[in-house]
Protein backbone atom coordinates (compact mmCIF):
# COMPACT_ATOMS: atom_id res chain seq x y z
CA MET A 1 -30.44 100.25 -51.30
CA GLU A 2 -29.48 97.93 -54.11
CA LYS A 3 -29.85 94.68 -52.24
CA LYS A 4 -33.18 93.05 -51.54
CA ILE A 5 -34.68 93.61 -48.13
CA ILE A 6 -37.17 91.54 -46.15
CA LEU A 7 -39.98 93.55 -44.59
CA ASP A 8 -41.50 92.35 -41.33
CA THR A 9 -45.28 92.18 -41.03
CA ASN A 10 -45.45 95.27 -38.81
CA ILE A 11 -44.08 97.48 -41.60
CA PHE A 12 -46.86 96.35 -43.95
CA ILE A 13 -49.47 96.85 -41.21
CA ASP A 14 -48.28 100.42 -40.62
CA HIS A 15 -48.53 101.14 -44.36
CA LEU A 16 -51.98 99.59 -44.64
CA ARG A 17 -53.15 101.69 -41.69
CA GLY A 18 -51.93 104.86 -43.42
CA TYR A 19 -49.10 105.59 -40.97
CA ALA A 20 -47.20 108.43 -42.67
CA PRO A 21 -43.64 107.28 -41.82
CA ALA A 22 -44.42 103.83 -43.26
CA ILE A 23 -45.90 105.30 -46.43
CA GLN A 24 -42.84 107.53 -46.80
CA PHE A 25 -40.53 104.56 -46.22
CA PHE A 26 -42.26 102.46 -48.91
CA SER A 27 -42.06 105.34 -51.37
CA SER A 28 -38.29 105.57 -50.78
CA LEU A 29 -37.81 102.00 -52.06
CA SER A 30 -38.09 100.44 -55.47
CA ASN A 31 -40.45 97.48 -55.79
CA GLU A 32 -37.50 95.31 -56.83
CA GLU A 33 -35.88 95.80 -53.42
CA ILE A 34 -38.85 94.62 -51.35
CA CYS A 35 -39.44 90.99 -50.41
CA PHE A 36 -41.56 89.40 -47.73
CA SER A 37 -42.01 86.00 -46.18
CA ALA A 38 -45.07 83.89 -46.95
CA ILE A 39 -45.73 83.95 -43.19
CA THR A 40 -46.17 87.74 -43.45
CA GLU A 41 -48.92 87.15 -45.98
CA SER A 42 -50.58 84.72 -43.54
CA GLU A 43 -50.30 87.21 -40.69
CA LEU A 44 -51.82 89.99 -42.81
CA PHE A 45 -54.69 87.78 -44.02
CA ALA A 46 -55.43 86.87 -40.38
CA GLY A 47 -56.69 90.43 -39.82
CA SER A 48 -60.46 90.49 -39.27
CA ILE A 49 -61.00 93.06 -42.05
CA ASN A 50 -60.08 90.33 -44.55
CA SER A 51 -63.37 88.56 -43.90
CA ILE A 52 -64.73 91.19 -46.31
CA PRO A 53 -64.00 89.82 -49.81
CA GLU A 54 -63.27 93.27 -51.28
CA LYS A 55 -60.73 94.06 -48.55
CA ARG A 56 -59.11 90.65 -48.99
CA GLU A 57 -58.77 91.25 -52.73
CA LEU A 58 -57.23 94.70 -52.11
CA LEU A 59 -54.65 93.15 -49.79
CA LEU A 60 -53.82 90.49 -52.36
CA GLN A 61 -53.34 93.15 -55.05
CA PHE A 62 -51.21 95.21 -52.66
CA LEU A 63 -48.89 92.28 -51.93
CA GLU A 64 -48.57 91.24 -55.59
CA GLN A 65 -46.26 94.23 -56.14
CA TRP A 66 -43.40 92.49 -54.37
CA GLU A 67 -41.57 89.18 -54.26
CA LYS A 68 -42.93 86.63 -51.79
CA ILE A 69 -40.41 84.13 -50.41
CA ASN A 70 -42.12 80.79 -49.87
CA VAL A 71 -41.32 78.51 -46.96
CA ASP A 72 -39.51 75.46 -48.29
CA ASN A 73 -38.09 72.56 -46.27
CA PRO A 74 -34.60 74.05 -45.65
CA LEU A 75 -36.13 77.36 -44.56
CA ALA A 76 -38.62 75.59 -42.28
CA ALA A 77 -35.80 73.58 -40.67
CA GLN A 78 -33.72 76.73 -40.13
CA ALA A 79 -36.73 78.50 -38.62
CA GLY A 80 -37.26 75.60 -36.24
CA ASP A 81 -33.62 75.81 -35.19
CA LEU A 82 -33.91 79.57 -34.62
CA SER A 83 -37.13 79.14 -32.64
CA ARG A 84 -35.51 76.57 -30.37
CA GLU A 85 -32.17 78.35 -29.99
CA TYR A 86 -33.49 81.88 -29.45
CA LYS A 87 -36.86 81.04 -27.82
CA MET A 88 -38.78 82.75 -30.64
CA GLU A 89 -42.32 82.33 -31.87
CA ILE A 90 -42.45 80.38 -35.14
CA PRO A 91 -43.70 83.30 -37.31
CA ASP A 92 -40.77 85.49 -36.22
CA ALA A 93 -38.36 82.58 -36.68
CA ILE A 94 -39.63 82.04 -40.24
CA ILE A 95 -39.20 85.73 -41.05
CA ALA A 96 -35.68 85.71 -39.59
CA ALA A 97 -34.78 82.51 -41.47
CA THR A 98 -36.08 84.10 -44.67
CA ALA A 99 -33.78 87.10 -44.24
CA LEU A 100 -30.83 84.83 -43.46
CA GLN A 101 -31.55 82.54 -46.42
CA GLU A 102 -31.81 85.50 -48.78
CA SER A 103 -28.73 87.24 -47.27
CA SER A 104 -30.99 90.25 -46.83
CA VAL A 105 -31.49 92.92 -44.22
CA LEU A 106 -34.64 92.52 -42.14
CA ILE A 107 -36.60 95.75 -41.74
CA THR A 108 -38.76 95.70 -38.60
CA LYS A 109 -39.95 97.86 -35.75
CA ASN A 110 -39.28 94.97 -33.35
CA ILE A 111 -35.49 95.18 -33.29
CA LYS A 112 -35.27 93.49 -29.88
CA ASP A 113 -37.07 90.39 -31.19
CA PHE A 114 -34.41 89.80 -33.82
CA GLN A 115 -31.12 91.46 -32.79
CA LYS A 116 -29.94 88.42 -30.81
CA ILE A 117 -29.73 86.24 -33.93
CA LYS A 118 -26.18 85.73 -35.12
CA GLY A 119 -25.60 86.83 -38.70
CA LEU A 120 -28.93 88.62 -39.07
CA LYS A 121 -28.85 92.29 -40.05
CA VAL A 122 -31.80 94.17 -38.60
CA ILE A 123 -32.82 97.79 -39.18
CA SER A 124 -35.73 99.90 -37.95
CA PRO A 125 -37.04 102.05 -40.80
CA TYR A 126 -38.56 104.88 -38.73
């Protein structure tokens, strides 16, 4: 894979939980290929384990390896449109809008949540 990919939150969660297929998938990629939405960072920090400062710092260091795509006004507007049009939750709509904005493939285990979106390429990694 030469092109950048957007990883959904569930892929990071699997890796952080030590799920072997996720660890293998991450090791098959170069760090330059991996991007994630700022909303993914929010979703990961929402985990209760991050109330422990050391765990929170480890997560921050883990995420610093890759490019984070921030939510700007055009992306937020597109996410709102996707949420309304496809009846999606805002976090998923932001992740989808990020992949569309970046012309990237979205890697997720929740194919059904995203496959209905026109122009969005979605792949399950394992």
